[in-house]
Amino acid sequence: MTNLTSYKIPVWFWLIAVLALVWNCMGVMAYLAEAYMSDEVFANYSPEIQKLYNKRPSWVTGAYAIAVFGGVLASMLLLIRKKAAKTVFLISLAGVLANDVYTFFMSKTLKVLGTNAIIFPIIVLVIAVLLVLFSNYATKREWLA
């Protein structure tokens, strides 16, 4: 008998990794839909919402891009079991946080859209934090190399 330990990865790891990829791909789709929104669609928004979009600084758009594209990359790294997933999830989380700071504290988003507009960004933030924690857990369990 040998003392070698086999690190069997549970099925739920793969399930979470696939769900993380799907979730983050939906974020990329939302980002691209917004980035390539037609003038006709934009014209259907109220003047207040149009003003929100037009006044948003480029660093916020950049943070949004880092959040969603970083999330996809981190999820792919998770699926191929690379430790770098943890670092990239942290970078993605930083993008989420930067975007949320602007949305909640530096813009009039909540005034224009109402307090219900806080719900989805908080869900996104919670999931981003959970993915960082999950990748950290997977690293400690030596599921990621």
C-alpha atoms as a PDB file:
ATOM      1  CA  MET A   1       0.000   0.000   0.000  1.00  0.00           C
ATOM      2  CA  THR A   2       1.175   3.538  -0.712  1.00  0.00           C
ATOM      3  CA  ASN A   3       0.771   6.775   1.195  1.00  0.00           C
ATOM      4  CA  LEU A   4      -0.211   8.741  -1.890  1.00  0.00           C
ATOM      5  CA  THR A   5      -3.434  10.621  -1.431  1.00  0.00           C
ATOM      6  CA  SER A   6      -5.773  11.024  -4.332  1.00  0.00           C
ATOM      7  CA  TYR A   7      -7.648  14.323  -4.389  1.00  0.00           C
ATOM      8  CA  LYS A   8     -10.974  13.294  -5.805  1.00  0.00           C
ATOM      9  CA  ILE A   9     -12.878  16.369  -6.851  1.00  0.00           C
ATOM     10  CA  PRO A  10     -16.550  16.223  -5.916  1.00  0.00           C
ATOM     11  CA  VAL A  11     -19.271  16.589  -8.516  1.00  0.00           C
ATOM     12  CA  TRP A  12     -20.514  19.756  -6.825  1.00  0.00           C
ATOM     13  CA  PHE A  13     -17.179  21.453  -7.621  1.00  0.00           C
ATOM     14  CA  TRP A  14     -17.834  20.934 -11.332  1.00  0.00           C
ATOM     15  CA  LEU A  15     -21.439  22.036 -10.965  1.00  0.00           C
ATOM     16  CA  ILE A  16     -20.404  25.295  -9.283  1.00  0.00           C
ATOM     17  CA  ALA A  17     -17.654  25.869 -11.854  1.00  0.00           C
ATOM     18  CA  VAL A  18     -20.066  25.420 -14.773  1.00  0.00           C
ATOM     19  CA  LEU A  19     -22.702  27.620 -13.119  1.00  0.00           C
ATOM     20  CA  ALA A  20     -20.028  30.275 -12.501  1.00  0.00           C
ATOM     21  CA  LEU A  21     -19.136  30.230 -16.189  1.00  0.00           C
ATOM     22  CA  VAL A  22     -22.780  30.489 -17.263  1.00  0.00           C
ATOM     23  CA  TRP A  23     -23.403  33.316 -14.765  1.00  0.00           C
ATOM     24  CA  ASN A  24     -20.381  35.286 -15.931  1.00  0.00           C
ATOM     25  CA  CYS A  25     -21.208  34.693 -19.610  1.00  0.00           C
ATOM     26  CA  MET A  26     -24.606  36.252 -18.915  1.00  0.00           C
ATOM     27  CA  GLY A  27     -22.714  39.243 -17.502  1.00  0.00           C
ATOM     28  CA  VAL A  28     -20.677  39.518 -20.698  1.00  0.00           C
ATOM     29  CA  MET A  29     -23.877  39.352 -22.742  1.00  0.00           C
ATOM     30  CA  ALA A  30     -25.378  42.178 -20.655  1.00  0.00           C
ATOM     31  CA  TYR A  31     -22.198  44.235 -21.068  1.00  0.00           C
ATOM     32  CA  LEU A  32     -22.148  43.734 -24.850  1.00  0.00           C
ATOM     33  CA  ALA A  33     -25.872  44.474 -25.144  1.00  0.00           C
ATOM     34  CA  GLU A  34     -25.274  47.758 -23.372  1.00  0.00           C
ATOM     35  CA  ALA A  35     -22.064  48.590 -25.244  1.00  0.00           C
ATOM     36  CA  TYR A  36     -23.640  47.972 -28.646  1.00  0.00           C
ATOM     37  CA  MET A  37     -27.097  49.323 -27.875  1.00  0.00           C
ATOM     38  CA  SER A  38     -28.665  50.862 -30.964  1.00  0.00           C
ATOM     39  CA  ASP A  39     -29.729  54.499 -31.045  1.00  0.00           C
ATOM     40  CA  GLU A  40     -33.322  53.355 -31.462  1.00  0.00           C
ATOM     41  CA  VAL A  41     -33.229  51.324 -28.255  1.00  0.00           C
ATOM     42  CA  PHE A  42     -31.438  54.119 -26.392  1.00  0.00           C
ATOM     43  CA  ALA A  43     -34.082  56.612 -27.553  1.00  0.00           C
ATOM     44  CA  ASN A  44     -36.773  54.502 -25.846  1.00  0.00           C
ATOM     45  CA  TYR A  45     -35.236  55.192 -22.423  1.00  0.00           C
ATOM     46  CA  SER A  46     -36.498  58.090 -20.348  1.00  0.00           C
ATOM     47  CA  PRO A  47     -34.427  61.282 -20.434  1.00  0.00           C
ATOM     48  CA  GLU A  48     -33.305  60.618 -16.845  1.00  0.00           C
ATOM     49  CA  ILE A  49     -31.957  57.173 -17.720  1.00  0.00           C
ATOM     50  CA  GLN A  50     -30.309  58.517 -20.873  1.00  0.00           C
ATOM     51  CA  LYS A  51     -28.593  61.139 -18.707  1.00  0.00           C
ATOM     52  CA  LEU A  52     -27.335  58.408 -16.347  1.00  0.00           C
ATOM     53  CA  TYR A  53     -25.760  56.558 -19.275  1.00  0.00           C
ATOM     54  CA  ASN A  54     -24.283  59.673 -20.822  1.00  0.00           C
ATOM     55  CA  LYS A  55     -22.743  60.933 -17.566  1.00  0.00           C
ATOM     56  CA  ARG A  56     -21.168  57.623 -16.589  1.00  0.00           C
ATOM     57  CA  PRO A  57     -17.366  57.937 -16.590  1.00  0.00           C
ATOM     58  CA  SER A  58     -15.288  55.615 -18.740  1.00  0.00           C
ATOM     59  CA  TRP A  59     -13.608  54.107 -15.672  1.00  0.00           C
ATOM     60  CA  VAL A  60     -16.997  52.720 -14.604  1.00  0.00           C
ATOM     61  CA  THR A  61     -17.468  51.085 -18.002  1.00  0.00           C
ATOM     62  CA  GLY A  62     -13.943  49.714 -17.654  1.00  0.00           C
ATOM     63  CA  ALA A  63     -14.728  48.358 -14.187  1.00  0.00           C
ATOM     64  CA  TYR A  64     -17.855  46.692 -15.594  1.00  0.00           C
ATOM     65  CA  ALA A  65     -15.767  45.096 -18.360  1.00  0.00           C
ATOM     66  CA  ILE A  66     -13.141  43.894 -15.869  1.00  0.00           C
ATOM     67  CA  ALA A  67     -15.873  42.433 -13.676  1.00  0.00           C
ATOM     68  CA  VAL A  68     -17.610  40.417 -16.387  1.00  0.00           C
ATOM     69  CA  PHE A  69     -14.704  39.420 -18.633  1.00  0.00           C
ATOM     70  CA  GLY A  70     -12.578  38.680 -15.559  1.00  0.00           C
ATOM     71  CA  GLY A  71     -15.389  36.524 -14.226  1.00  0.00           C
ATOM     72  CA  VAL A  72     -15.509  34.497 -17.438  1.00  0.00           C
ATOM     73  CA  LEU A  73     -11.734  34.040 -17.477  1.00  0.00           C
ATOM     74  CA  ALA A  74     -11.686  33.054 -13.797  1.00  0.00           C
ATOM     75  CA  SER A  75     -14.507  30.559 -14.359  1.00  0.00           C
ATOM     76  CA  MET A  76     -12.609  28.987 -17.248  1.00  0.00           C
ATOM     77  CA  LEU A  77      -9.497  28.781 -15.062  1.00  0.00           C
ATOM     78  CA  LEU A  78     -11.621  27.108 -12.397  1.00  0.00           C
ATOM     79  CA  LEU A  79     -12.840  24.555 -14.942  1.00  0.00           C
ATOM     80  CA  ILE A  80      -9.284  23.711 -15.971  1.00  0.00           C
ATOM     81  CA  ARG A  81      -8.303  23.656 -12.272  1.00  0.00           C
ATOM     82  CA  LYS A  82      -5.767  26.486 -12.205  1.00  0.00           C
ATOM     83  CA  LYS A  83      -4.895  28.383  -9.023  1.00  0.00           C
ATOM     84  CA  ALA A  84      -4.912  31.619 -11.002  1.00  0.00           C
ATOM     85  CA  ALA A  85      -8.720  31.438 -10.842  1.00  0.00           C
ATOM     86  CA  LYS A  86      -8.580  32.852  -7.316  1.00  0.00           C
ATOM     87  CA  THR A  87      -6.536  35.888  -8.387  1.00  0.00           C
ATOM     88  CA  VAL A  88      -8.701  36.559 -11.421  1.00  0.00           C
ATOM     89  CA  PHE A  89     -11.883  36.228  -9.332  1.00  0.00           C
ATOM     90  CA  LEU A  90     -10.382  38.836  -6.961  1.00  0.00           C
ATOM     91  CA  ILE A  91      -9.741  41.175  -9.908  1.00  0.00           C
ATOM     92  CA  SER A  92     -13.290  40.606 -11.118  1.00  0.00           C
ATOM     93  CA  LEU A  93     -14.579  41.386  -7.614  1.00  0.00           C
ATOM     94  CA  ALA A  94     -12.614  44.642  -7.656  1.00  0.00           C
ATOM     95  CA  GLY A  95     -14.426  45.548 -10.875  1.00  0.00           C
ATOM     96  CA  VAL A  96     -17.781  44.769  -9.274  1.00  0.00           C
ATOM     97  CA  LEU A  97     -16.913  46.872  -6.228  1.00  0.00           C
ATOM     98  CA  ALA A  98     -15.756  49.841  -8.318  1.00  0.00           C
ATOM     99  CA  ASN A  99     -18.928  49.706 -10.383  1.00  0.00           C
ATOM    100  CA  ASP A 100     -21.086  49.458  -7.249  1.00  0.00           C
ATOM    101  CA  VAL A 101     -19.329  52.350  -5.502  1.00  0.00           C
ATOM    102  CA  TYR A 102     -20.119  54.550  -8.471  1.00  0.00           C
ATOM    103  CA  THR A 103     -23.687  53.283  -8.771  1.00  0.00           C
ATOM    104  CA  PHE A 104     -24.559  53.603  -5.088  1.00  0.00           C
ATOM    105  CA  PHE A 105     -22.537  56.606  -3.962  1.00  0.00           C
ATOM    106  CA  MET A 106     -21.383  58.697  -6.909  1.00  0.00           C
ATOM    107  CA  SER A 107     -24.323  58.714  -9.292  1.00  0.00           C
ATOM    108  CA  LYS A 108     -28.026  59.374  -9.110  1.00  0.00           C
ATOM    109  CA  THR A 109     -28.911  55.818 -10.118  1.00  0.00           C
ATOM    110  CA  LEU A 110     -30.961  55.025  -7.034  1.00  0.00           C
ATOM    111  CA  LYS A 111     -32.755  58.361  -7.264  1.00  0.00           C
ATOM    112  CA  VAL A 112     -33.657  57.764 -10.924  1.00  0.00           C
ATOM    113  CA  LEU A 113     -34.370  54.031 -10.793  1.00  0.00           C
ATOM    114  CA  GLY A 114     -35.554  53.755  -7.200  1.00  0.00           C
ATOM    115  CA  THR A 115     -34.276  51.703  -4.299  1.00  0.00           C
ATOM    116  CA  ASN A 116     -35.254  48.437  -6.008  1.00  0.00           C
ATOM    117  CA  ALA A 117     -32.297  49.063  -8.327  1.00  0.00           C
ATOM    118  CA  ILE A 118     -30.008  48.072  -5.456  1.00  0.00           C
ATOM    119  CA  ILE A 119     -31.174  44.445  -5.368  1.00  0.00           C
ATOM    120  CA  PHE A 120     -29.491  43.015  -8.466  1.00  0.00           C
ATOM    121  CA  PRO A 121     -26.115  44.717  -7.908  1.00  0.00           C
ATOM    122  CA  ILE A 122     -26.068  43.305  -4.389  1.00  0.00           C
ATOM    123  CA  ILE A 123     -26.816  39.828  -5.750  1.00  0.00           C
ATOM    124  CA  VAL A 124     -23.930  40.257  -8.210  1.00  0.00           C
ATOM    125  CA  LEU A 125     -21.638  41.392  -5.386  1.00  0.00           C
ATOM    126  CA  VAL A 126     -22.597  38.452  -3.158  1.00  0.00           C
ATOM    127  CA  ILE A 127     -21.983  35.965  -5.980  1.00  0.00           C
ATOM    128  CA  ALA A 128     -18.622  37.579  -6.779  1.00  0.00           C
ATOM    129  CA  VAL A 129     -17.572  37.273  -3.118  1.00  0.00           C
ATOM    130  CA  LEU A 130     -18.782  33.661  -2.977  1.00  0.00           C
ATOM    131  CA  LEU A 131     -16.773  32.794  -6.094  1.00  0.00           C
ATOM    132  CA  VAL A 132     -13.629  34.254  -4.505  1.00  0.00           C
ATOM    133  CA  LEU A 133     -14.282  32.219  -1.360  1.00  0.00           C
ATOM    134  CA  PHE A 134     -15.019  29.100  -3.397  1.00  0.00           C
ATOM    135  CA  SER A 135     -11.823  29.415  -5.426  1.00  0.00           C
ATOM    136  CA  ASN A 136      -9.892  29.942  -2.183  1.00  0.00           C
ATOM    137  CA  TYR A 137     -11.504  26.823  -0.715  1.00  0.00           C
ATOM    138  CA  ALA A 138     -10.698  24.810  -3.843  1.00  0.00           C
ATOM    139  CA  THR A 139      -7.091  25.996  -3.665  1.00  0.00           C
ATOM    140  CA  LYS A 140      -6.775  24.947  -0.023  1.00  0.00           C
ATOM    141  CA  ARG A 141      -8.281  21.542  -0.861  1.00  0.00           C
ATOM    142  CA  GLU A 142      -5.621  21.254  -3.597  1.00  0.00           C
ATOM    143  CA  TRP A 143      -8.219  20.902  -6.317  1.00  0.00           C
ATOM    144  CA  LEU A 144      -6.488  23.695  -8.224  1.00  0.00           C
ATOM    145  CA  ALA A 145      -2.901  23.446  -9.383  1.00  0.00           C
END
